[in-house]
Amino acid sequence: MNMQHHPGNPARILVVDDEAHIVQVVALKFRNAGLEVETASDGDEALAMLRRTAFDLVVTDLQMPAMSGIELARAMSADAKLARIPVLMLTARGHLLRDGEADSANIARVVHKPFSPRGLLAEVLGLLGTHGAAGSNDSAGERAAA
């Protein structure tokens, strides 16, 4: 099963974070840019969704209950059907990944909180290989904080 993004079809993104306000801001920004978005509140839920549905990219928080973002990324790397899906890891500035941890878990990018949803969208579009203007419909919720 090839989960690479195909031009003409909206990319399917899975956003995983245990903080509902971050999920809402990120999902809205991505949807406004024409991406299909599904959400999960922890790594266990995300892994179950990934095994049922094809996604082009996963955006996940590092620190979550039950299964952390790094554990999710490692589980994806170990599964031949999921290993090719790029992972973008969100992390609070005080919680850095150890040397080599991102590489060992096949993490494509690390973005630190607080982040700009516009900047996060640009990172996602870059990972998807999507060119074009990101939506500029920013709101008061533009800055998501950890």
Protein backbone atom coordinates (compact mmCIF):
# COMPACT_ATOMS: atom_id res chain seq x y z
CA MET A 1 0.00 0.00 0.00
CA ASN A 2 1.61 3.26 -1.10
CA MET A 3 0.75 6.09 1.24
CA GLN A 4 2.57 8.81 -0.66
CA HIS A 5 0.59 11.94 -1.42
CA HIS A 6 -0.85 12.06 -4.94
CA PRO A 7 -1.38 15.47 -6.56
CA GLY A 8 -5.04 16.26 -7.05
CA ASN A 9 -6.12 14.37 -3.94
CA PRO A 10 -6.10 16.11 -0.57
CA ALA A 11 -3.38 14.76 1.69
CA ARG A 12 -4.60 12.87 4.76
CA ILE A 13 -2.98 14.04 7.97
CA LEU A 14 -3.29 12.47 11.42
CA VAL A 15 -2.83 15.01 14.24
CA VAL A 16 -2.05 13.43 17.62
CA ASP A 17 -1.93 15.45 20.85
CA ASP A 18 -3.48 15.11 24.28
CA GLU A 19 -4.09 18.88 24.45
CA ALA A 20 -7.45 19.52 22.78
CA HIS A 21 -6.77 23.20 22.04
CA ILE A 22 -3.63 22.35 20.05
CA VAL A 23 -5.47 19.68 18.08
CA GLN A 24 -8.28 22.14 17.29
CA VAL A 25 -5.96 24.95 16.13
CA VAL A 26 -3.77 22.65 14.03
CA ALA A 27 -6.69 20.73 12.50
CA LEU A 28 -8.47 23.96 11.56
CA LYS A 29 -5.33 25.41 9.94
CA PHE A 30 -4.73 22.22 7.94
CA ARG A 31 -8.38 21.90 6.87
CA ASN A 32 -8.44 25.53 5.75
CA ALA A 33 -5.44 24.68 3.54
CA GLY A 34 -7.40 21.87 1.89
CA LEU A 35 -5.92 18.91 3.78
CA GLU A 36 -7.98 16.04 5.16
CA VAL A 37 -7.44 15.81 8.91
CA GLU A 38 -8.24 13.18 11.50
CA THR A 39 -7.25 13.48 15.15
CA ALA A 40 -6.26 11.26 18.04
CA SER A 41 -5.61 12.13 21.68
CA ASP A 42 -2.78 9.65 22.35
CA GLY A 43 -0.39 7.27 20.63
CA ASP A 44 -2.48 4.14 21.24
CA GLU A 45 -5.50 5.66 19.51
CA ALA A 46 -3.29 6.97 16.70
CA LEU A 47 -1.65 3.60 16.07
CA ALA A 48 -5.05 1.90 15.84
CA MET A 49 -6.20 4.55 13.33
CA LEU A 50 -3.01 4.19 11.28
CA ARG A 51 -3.57 0.45 11.01
CA ARG A 52 -7.15 0.99 9.73
CA THR A 53 -6.78 4.01 7.45
CA ALA A 54 -4.13 5.29 5.03
CA PHE A 55 -2.47 8.58 6.00
CA ASP A 56 0.15 10.65 4.19
CA LEU A 57 1.69 12.23 7.31
CA VAL A 58 1.48 12.12 11.10
CA VAL A 59 1.90 15.20 13.30
CA THR A 60 2.32 14.05 16.89
CA ASP A 61 3.18 15.50 20.26
CA LEU A 62 6.15 13.96 22.06
CA GLN A 63 4.69 13.80 25.56
CA MET A 64 1.33 12.04 25.80
CA PRO A 65 -0.24 9.52 28.15
CA ALA A 66 -0.37 5.79 27.33
CA MET A 67 2.02 5.93 24.35
CA SER A 68 4.38 8.85 23.73
CA GLY A 69 5.02 10.34 20.32
CA ILE A 70 8.45 8.69 20.17
CA GLU A 71 6.90 5.31 21.00
CA LEU A 72 4.31 5.88 18.27
CA ALA A 73 7.03 6.77 15.75
CA ARG A 74 9.03 3.66 16.70
CA ALA A 75 5.95 1.44 16.36
CA MET A 76 5.34 2.95 12.92
CA SER A 77 8.98 2.35 11.90
CA ALA A 78 8.69 -1.30 12.93
CA ASP A 79 5.56 -1.85 10.81
CA ALA A 80 6.29 -2.25 7.08
CA LYS A 81 2.87 -0.76 6.18
CA LEU A 82 3.48 2.37 8.28
CA ALA A 83 7.24 2.87 8.04
CA ARG A 84 7.08 5.17 5.01
CA ILE A 85 4.68 7.66 6.57
CA PRO A 86 6.62 10.79 7.58
CA VAL A 87 6.32 11.85 11.23
CA LEU A 88 6.54 15.45 12.37
CA MET A 89 7.16 15.61 16.13
CA LEU A 90 5.92 18.48 18.29
CA THR A 91 7.78 19.02 21.53
CA ALA A 92 7.93 21.60 24.30
CA ARG A 93 11.28 23.39 24.31
CA GLY A 94 12.25 21.85 27.63
CA HIS A 95 11.67 18.30 26.35
CA LEU A 96 14.28 17.63 23.72
CA LEU A 97 14.86 14.36 21.95
CA ARG A 98 18.12 12.63 22.83
CA ASP A 99 20.85 12.47 20.20
CA GLY A 100 19.93 10.01 17.49
CA GLU A 101 16.43 9.44 18.88
CA ALA A 102 14.68 11.17 15.97
CA ASP A 103 16.71 9.20 13.42
CA SER A 104 16.11 5.87 15.14
CA ALA A 105 12.35 6.52 15.12
CA ASN A 106 12.26 7.78 11.51
CA ILE A 107 11.09 11.28 12.53
CA ALA A 108 11.23 13.63 9.53
CA ARG A 109 10.99 16.94 11.44
CA VAL A 110 10.88 18.25 15.01
CA VAL A 111 8.94 21.46 15.74
CA HIS A 112 9.13 23.12 19.15
CA LYS A 113 6.14 24.49 21.07
CA PRO A 114 4.99 27.17 21.10
CA PHE A 115 4.77 27.15 17.32
CA SER A 116 3.05 29.17 14.62
CA PRO A 117 0.27 27.18 12.92
CA ARG A 118 1.28 28.91 9.67
CA GLY A 119 4.87 27.73 10.13
CA LEU A 120 3.70 24.23 11.02
CA LEU A 121 1.56 24.13 7.88
CA ALA A 122 4.60 25.17 5.81
CA GLU A 123 6.61 22.30 7.35
CA VAL A 124 3.80 19.84 6.59
CA LEU A 125 3.44 21.03 3.00
CA GLY A 126 7.21 20.74 2.59
CA LEU A 127 7.17 17.16 3.86
CA LEU A 128 4.31 16.32 1.53
CA GLY A 129 6.10 17.91 -1.39
CA THR A 130 3.13 20.22 -1.88
CA HIS A 131 3.93 23.55 -3.44
CA GLY A 132 1.67 26.56 -3.33
CA ALA A 133 0.56 29.21 -0.94
CA ALA A 134 -0.49 28.18 2.52
CA GLY A 135 -3.73 29.67 3.73
CA SER A 136 -3.28 33.12 5.19
CA ASN A 137 -6.55 33.12 7.07
CA ASP A 138 -5.00 33.51 10.52
CA SER A 139 -7.03 34.12 13.63
CA ALA A 140 -6.48 35.12 17.23
CA GLY A 141 -5.65 31.47 17.89
CA GLU A 142 -2.64 31.73 15.56
CA ARG A 143 -0.14 30.92 18.27
CA ALA A 144 -0.58 27.53 19.95
CA ALA A 145 1.21 27.13 23.26
CA ALA A 146 2.24 24.04 25.12
